[in-house]
C-alpha atoms as a PDB file:
ATOM      1  CA  MET A   1       0.255  -0.050  -0.546  1.00  0.00           C
ATOM      2  CA  LYS A   2       3.179   2.615   0.784  1.00  0.00           C
ATOM      3  CA  ALA A   3       4.504   1.971  -3.120  1.00  0.00           C
ATOM      4  CA  THR A   4       1.101   2.695  -4.175  1.00  0.00           C
ATOM      5  CA  LYS A   5       0.462   5.900  -1.806  1.00  0.00           C
ATOM      6  CA  ASN A   6       3.626   7.153  -2.470  1.00  0.00           C
ATOM      7  CA  THR A   7       3.397   6.014  -6.540  1.00  0.00           C
ATOM      8  CA  ILE A   8       0.137   7.957  -6.427  1.00  0.00           C
ATOM      9  CA  ILE A   9       2.270  11.149  -4.078  1.00  0.00           C
ATOM     10  CA  HIS A  10       4.564  11.547  -6.861  1.00  0.00           C
ATOM     11  CA  VAL A  11       2.674  11.816 -10.292  1.00  0.00           C
ATOM     12  CA  ALA A  12      -0.054  14.045  -8.923  1.00  0.00           C
ATOM     13  CA  ARG A  13       3.644  16.428  -8.090  1.00  0.00           C
ATOM     14  CA  VAL A  14       4.285  15.390 -11.959  1.00  0.00           C
ATOM     15  CA  PHE A  15       1.381  16.523 -12.355  1.00  0.00           C
ATOM     16  CA  GLY A  16       0.732  19.842 -11.491  1.00  0.00           C
ATOM     17  CA  MET A  17       4.297  20.585 -11.895  1.00  0.00           C
ATOM     18  CA  VAL A  18       3.547  20.217 -15.885  1.00  0.00           C
ATOM     19  CA  LEU A  19       0.515  21.674 -15.855  1.00  0.00           C
ATOM     20  CA  LEU A  20       1.673  24.795 -14.008  1.00  0.00           C
ATOM     21  CA  GLY A  21       4.422  24.580 -17.119  1.00  0.00           C
ATOM     22  CA  LEU A  22       1.599  24.675 -19.695  1.00  0.00           C
ATOM     23  CA  VAL A  23      -0.617  27.815 -17.906  1.00  0.00           C
ATOM     24  CA  VAL A  24       3.041  29.379 -18.008  1.00  0.00           C
ATOM     25  CA  VAL A  25       3.444  28.998 -20.949  1.00  0.00           C
ATOM     26  CA  LEU A  26       0.066  29.378 -22.220  1.00  0.00           C
ATOM     27  CA  THR A  27      -0.262  32.223 -20.185  1.00  0.00           C
ATOM     28  CA  LEU A  28       3.075  34.335 -21.533  1.00  0.00           C
ATOM     29  CA  ALA A  29       2.770  33.885 -25.003  1.00  0.00           C
ATOM     30  CA  PRO A  30       2.238  36.193 -27.990  1.00  0.00           C
ATOM     31  CA  PRO A  31      -1.876  35.954 -28.629  1.00  0.00           C
ATOM     32  CA  ARG A  32       0.052  35.041 -32.073  1.00  0.00           C
ATOM     33  CA  PHE A  33       1.109  31.698 -30.686  1.00  0.00           C
ATOM     34  CA  ARG A  34      -1.935  30.322 -28.131  1.00  0.00           C
ATOM     35  CA  PRO A  35      -4.309  27.993 -29.155  1.00  0.00           C
ATOM     36  CA  TYR A  36      -8.085  29.244 -29.581  1.00  0.00           C
ATOM     37  CA  THR A  37     -10.642  26.294 -28.569  1.00  0.00           C
ATOM     38  CA  ALA A  38     -14.061  26.779 -28.376  1.00  0.00           C
ATOM     39  CA  VAL A  39     -14.782  26.232 -25.221  1.00  0.00           C
ATOM     40  CA  PRO A  40     -16.096  29.745 -23.349  1.00  0.00           C
ATOM     41  CA  HIS A  41     -13.279  31.547 -21.578  1.00  0.00           C
ATOM     42  CA  ILE A  42     -14.280  31.515 -18.179  1.00  0.00           C
ATOM     43  CA  LEU A  43     -14.360  27.468 -19.090  1.00  0.00           C
ATOM     44  CA  GLU A  44     -10.667  26.958 -20.647  1.00  0.00           C
ATOM     45  CA  HIS A  45      -9.380  29.271 -17.044  1.00  0.00           C
ATOM     46  CA  GLY A  46     -11.081  27.216 -14.459  1.00  0.00           C
ATOM     47  CA  SER A  47     -10.786  23.668 -15.334  1.00  0.00           C
ATOM     48  CA  ILE A  48      -6.931  24.302 -16.175  1.00  0.00           C
ATOM     49  CA  PHE A  49      -7.086  25.706 -12.317  1.00  0.00           C
ATOM     50  CA  LEU A  50      -8.918  23.540 -10.911  1.00  0.00           C
ATOM     51  CA  LEU A  51      -6.844  20.355 -12.510  1.00  0.00           C
ATOM     52  CA  VAL A  52      -3.976  22.653 -10.542  1.00  0.00           C
ATOM     53  CA  GLY A  53      -5.080  22.691  -7.987  1.00  0.00           C
ATOM     54  CA  LEU A  54      -6.393  18.328  -7.234  1.00  0.00           C
ATOM     55  CA  ALA A  55      -2.886  17.641  -8.355  1.00  0.00           C
ATOM     56  CA  PHE A  56      -1.276  19.823  -6.168  1.00  0.00           C
ATOM     57  CA  ALA A  57      -3.389  18.826  -3.013  1.00  0.00           C
ATOM     58  CA  MET A  58      -3.303  15.776  -3.564  1.00  0.00           C
ATOM     59  CA  GLY A  59       0.948  15.743  -4.444  1.00  0.00           C
ATOM     60  CA  TYR A  60       1.104  17.842  -0.616  1.00  0.00           C
ATOM     61  CA  PRO A  61      -1.320  16.284   0.568  1.00  0.00           C
ATOM     62  CA  GLU A  62      -0.757  17.647   4.509  1.00  0.00           C
ATOM     63  CA  ARG A  63       0.414  21.264   3.060  1.00  0.00           C
ATOM     64  CA  VAL A  64      -2.749  22.256   1.562  1.00  0.00           C
ATOM     65  CA  LEU A  65      -3.168  25.143   3.189  1.00  0.00           C
ATOM     66  CA  ARG A  66       0.246  26.475   2.003  1.00  0.00           C
ATOM     67  CA  VAL A  67      -0.978  25.077  -1.959  1.00  0.00           C
ATOM     68  CA  THR A  68      -3.613  26.746  -1.961  1.00  0.00           C
ATOM     69  CA  ILE A  69      -2.628  30.587  -0.167  1.00  0.00           C
ATOM     70  CA  SER A  70       0.624  29.489  -2.982  1.00  0.00           C
ATOM     71  CA  LEU A  71      -1.432  28.258  -6.473  1.00  0.00           C
ATOM     72  CA  VAL A  72      -3.369  31.589  -5.131  1.00  0.00           C
ATOM     73  CA  LEU A  73      -0.887  33.990  -4.754  1.00  0.00           C
ATOM     74  CA  PHE A  74       0.611  32.244  -8.617  1.00  0.00           C
ATOM     75  CA  CYS A  75      -2.939  33.467  -9.803  1.00  0.00           C
ATOM     76  CA  ALA A  76      -2.096  36.994  -9.507  1.00  0.00           C
ATOM     77  CA  ILE A  77       1.465  37.374 -10.101  1.00  0.00           C
ATOM     78  CA  LEU A  78       0.780  35.315 -13.585  1.00  0.00           C
ATOM     79  CA  GLU A  79      -2.211  38.551 -14.591  1.00  0.00           C
ATOM     80  CA  VAL A  80       0.733  41.346 -13.674  1.00  0.00           C
ATOM     81  CA  ALA A  81       3.023  39.842 -15.961  1.00  0.00           C
ATOM     82  CA  GLN A  82       0.499  39.251 -18.467  1.00  0.00           C
ATOM     83  CA  VAL A  83       0.656  42.962 -18.726  1.00  0.00           C
ATOM     84  CA  PHE A  84       3.978  43.181 -19.416  1.00  0.00           C
ATOM     85  CA  VAL A  85       3.648  40.797 -22.316  1.00  0.00           C
ATOM     86  CA  PRO A  86       2.931  42.721 -25.360  1.00  0.00           C
ATOM     87  CA  GLY A  87      -0.755  41.486 -26.757  1.00  0.00           C
ATOM     88  CA  ARG A  88      -1.621  40.775 -23.110  1.00  0.00           C
ATOM     89  CA  HIS A  89      -4.217  42.396 -20.764  1.00  0.00           C
ATOM     90  CA  ALA A  90      -4.102  41.621 -16.692  1.00  0.00           C
ATOM     91  CA  ARG A  91      -7.512  41.206 -15.437  1.00  0.00           C
ATOM     92  CA  LEU A  92      -9.510  40.897 -12.752  1.00  0.00           C
ATOM     93  CA  SER A  93     -12.324  38.769 -13.397  1.00  0.00           C
ATOM     94  CA  ASP A  94      -9.490  36.592 -15.070  1.00  0.00           C
ATOM     95  CA  PHE A  95      -7.623  36.247 -12.059  1.00  0.00           C
ATOM     96  CA  LEU A  96     -11.072  35.681  -9.896  1.00  0.00           C
ATOM     97  CA  VAL A  97     -12.171  32.510 -11.817  1.00  0.00           C
ATOM     98  CA  ASP A  98      -8.208  31.106 -11.461  1.00  0.00           C
ATOM     99  CA  ALA A  99      -7.997  32.345  -8.300  1.00  0.00           C
ATOM    100  CA  ALA A 100     -11.301  30.488  -7.302  1.00  0.00           C
ATOM    101  CA  ALA A 101     -11.229  27.240  -9.571  1.00  0.00           C
ATOM    102  CA  ALA A 102      -8.209  26.564  -8.531  1.00  0.00           C
ATOM    103  CA  CYS A 103      -9.021  26.766  -4.372  1.00  0.00           C
ATOM    104  CA  VAL A 104     -12.474  24.691  -5.063  1.00  0.00           C
ATOM    105  CA  GLY A 105      -9.677  21.918  -6.302  1.00  0.00           C
ATOM    106  CA  THR A 106      -7.218  21.945  -3.331  1.00  0.00           C
ATOM    107  CA  VAL A 107     -10.207  21.388  -2.146  1.00  0.00           C
ATOM    108  CA  VAL A 108     -11.170  18.277  -4.045  1.00  0.00           C
ATOM    109  CA  GLY A 109      -7.802  17.562  -4.553  1.00  0.00           C
ATOM    110  CA  ARG A 110      -7.267  17.303  -0.425  1.00  0.00           C
ATOM    111  CA  LEU A 111     -10.935  15.074  -0.262  1.00  0.00           C
ATOM    112  CA  LEU A 112     -10.006  12.934  -2.842  1.00  0.00           C
ATOM    113  CA  ALA A 113      -6.762  12.593  -1.021  1.00  0.00           C
ATOM    114  CA  ARG A 114      -8.221  11.481   2.187  1.00  0.00           C
ATOM    115  CA  ALA A 115     -10.969   9.146   0.761  1.00  0.00           C
ATOM    116  CA  ILE A 116      -7.382   6.877  -0.616  1.00  0.00           C
ATOM    117  CA  ARG A 117      -5.341   7.615   2.436  1.00  0.00           C
ATOM    118  CA  LEU A 118      -2.118   9.988   1.191  1.00  0.00           C
ATOM    119  CA  ALA A 119      -2.919  12.444   4.241  1.00  0.00           C
END
């Protein structure tokens, strides 16, 4: 059981880091490099940050409060960083959606971690 627990934690950490990297690239890339989908903007933002929160909460099940605070700060920094990228802009609404989705993701991740006894 311990190997399975450690495997889940390690996979969640790697998945979280990959998603975080993807978010940075997609957020700070010039608009011409950003893929466009038929998915509504708010759903794009919400789903990726929900997954990030979920992955990090499962990857660090004993540090969920720290993870949540860090992700909210990350969302704020990422939104402000867009001011310095030509063609991009910071939006309070994007920050609020991203931060809320990350928080929901950490709550769901914490509940899931408890259910499978990671923490």
